[in-house]
C-alpha atoms as a PDB file:
ATOM      1  CA  MET A   1       0.715  14.183 -10.534  1.00  0.00           C
ATOM      2  CA  THR A   2       0.595  11.168  -8.256  1.00  0.00           C
ATOM      3  CA  THR A   3       1.450  11.178  -4.587  1.00  0.00           C
ATOM      4  CA  TRP A   4       3.970   8.903  -2.874  1.00  0.00           C
ATOM      5  CA  ARG A   5       1.023   7.176  -1.185  1.00  0.00           C
ATOM      6  CA  GLU A   6      -0.626   6.413  -4.545  1.00  0.00           C
ATOM      7  CA  ARG A   7       2.645   5.159  -6.007  1.00  0.00           C
ATOM      8  CA  ALA A   8       3.311   2.946  -2.992  1.00  0.00           C
ATOM      9  CA  SER A   9      -0.206   1.546  -3.038  1.00  0.00           C
ATOM     10  CA  ARG A  10      -0.077   0.702  -6.744  1.00  0.00           C
ATOM     11  CA  TYR A  11       3.348  -0.863  -6.372  1.00  0.00           C
ATOM     12  CA  ILE A  12       2.304  -3.032  -3.429  1.00  0.00           C
ATOM     13  CA  LEU A  13      -0.726  -4.274  -5.361  1.00  0.00           C
ATOM     14  CA  LYS A  14       1.584  -5.202  -8.228  1.00  0.00           C
ATOM     15  CA  VAL A  15       4.111  -6.912  -5.924  1.00  0.00           C
ATOM     16  CA  LEU A  16       1.372  -8.947  -4.233  1.00  0.00           C
ATOM     17  CA  GLU A  17       0.917 -10.710  -7.584  1.00  0.00           C
ATOM     18  CA  ASP A  18       4.582 -11.746  -7.864  1.00  0.00           C
ATOM     19  CA  GLU A  19       5.159 -15.499  -7.586  1.00  0.00           C
ATOM     20  CA  ASP A  20       7.764 -15.172  -4.839  1.00  0.00           C
ATOM     21  CA  VAL A  21       5.307 -13.158  -2.744  1.00  0.00           C
ATOM     22  CA  LYS A  22       2.329 -15.413  -3.469  1.00  0.00           C
ATOM     23  CA  GLN A  23       4.245 -18.361  -2.023  1.00  0.00           C
ATOM     24  CA  ILE A  24       4.381 -16.682   1.402  1.00  0.00           C
ATOM     25  CA  LYS A  25       1.147 -17.662   3.160  1.00  0.00           C
ATOM     26  CA  ASP A  26       1.499 -15.802   6.463  1.00  0.00           C
ATOM     27  CA  ILE A  27       0.351 -12.180   6.110  1.00  0.00           C
ATOM     28  CA  ASP A  28       2.916 -10.776   8.547  1.00  0.00           C
ATOM     29  CA  GLU A  29       5.757 -12.604   6.803  1.00  0.00           C
ATOM     30  CA  LYS A  30       4.461 -11.504   3.402  1.00  0.00           C
ATOM     31  CA  MET A  31       4.250  -7.846   4.364  1.00  0.00           C
ATOM     32  CA  ASP A  32       7.611  -7.944   6.171  1.00  0.00           C
ATOM     33  CA  TYR A  33       9.162  -9.337   2.991  1.00  0.00           C
ATOM     34  CA  ILE A  34       7.529  -6.667   0.823  1.00  0.00           C
ATOM     35  CA  GLN A  35       8.457  -3.890   3.232  1.00  0.00           C
ATOM     36  CA  LYS A  36      12.101  -4.955   3.509  1.00  0.00           C
ATOM     37  CA  GLU A  37      12.891  -6.456   0.104  1.00  0.00           C
ATOM     38  CA  LYS A  38      10.658  -4.666  -2.396  1.00  0.00           C
ATOM     39  CA  TYR A  39      11.175  -0.983  -1.528  1.00  0.00           C
ATOM     40  CA  PRO A  40      11.356   0.693  -4.953  1.00  0.00           C
ATOM     41  CA  TRP A  41      12.841   4.168  -4.380  1.00  0.00           C
ATOM     42  CA  GLY A  42      16.514   4.012  -3.493  1.00  0.00           C
ATOM     43  CA  PRO A  43      17.711   5.076  -0.026  1.00  0.00           C
ATOM     44  CA  ARG A  44      15.413   4.223   2.847  1.00  0.00           C
ATOM     45  CA  GLU A  45      15.084   7.709   4.218  1.00  0.00           C
ATOM     46  CA  TYR A  46      13.038  10.877   4.048  1.00  0.00           C
ATOM     47  CA  TRP A  47       9.399  11.228   3.111  1.00  0.00           C
ATOM     48  CA  PRO A  48       9.037   8.469   0.475  1.00  0.00           C
ATOM     49  CA  TYR A  49      10.262   5.841   2.945  1.00  0.00           C
ATOM     50  CA  LYS A  50       7.964   7.091   5.709  1.00  0.00           C
ATOM     51  CA  VAL A  51       5.010   6.865   3.333  1.00  0.00           C
ATOM     52  CA  TRP A  52       6.132   3.384   2.233  1.00  0.00           C
ATOM     53  CA  LEU A  53       6.108   2.187   5.850  1.00  0.00           C
ATOM     54  CA  GLN A  54       2.653   3.687   6.439  1.00  0.00           C
ATOM     55  CA  VAL A  55       1.169   2.106   3.327  1.00  0.00           C
ATOM     56  CA  CYS A  56       2.733  -1.288   4.157  1.00  0.00           C
ATOM     57  CA  LYS A  57       1.146  -1.096   7.604  1.00  0.00           C
ATOM     58  CA  GLU A  58      -2.241  -0.244   6.084  1.00  0.00           C
ATOM     59  CA  TYR A  59      -2.045  -3.166   3.638  1.00  0.00           C
ATOM     60  CA  ARG A  60      -1.077  -5.532   6.452  1.00  0.00           C
ATOM     61  CA  GLU A  61      -4.224  -4.497   8.357  1.00  0.00           C
ATOM     62  CA  ILE A  62      -6.417  -4.755   5.243  1.00  0.00           C
ATOM     63  CA  LEU A  63      -5.114  -8.239   4.375  1.00  0.00           C
ATOM     64  CA  LYS A  64      -5.701  -9.437   7.934  1.00  0.00           C
ATOM     65  CA  LYS A  65      -9.273  -8.161   7.879  1.00  0.00           C
ATOM     66  CA  LEU A  66      -9.909  -9.855   4.548  1.00  0.00           C
ATOM     67  CA  LYS A  67      -8.542 -13.136   5.858  1.00  0.00           C
ATOM     68  CA  ASN A  68     -10.977 -13.192   8.793  1.00  0.00           C
END
């Protein structure tokens, strides 16, 4: 059984390869777009959404570190 964190992480990695996302060069803009437009699990509430926000924040930090 996978956790919400694992699902979110795998999904974000997949979404980062989408052409519409690749065109966004700024990391903050890219992650804002993913966070707001690519949420995969229905209503933005409860535990899955909280985990989604946490994982998006972690990926934003990781991408910024990789850029530097």
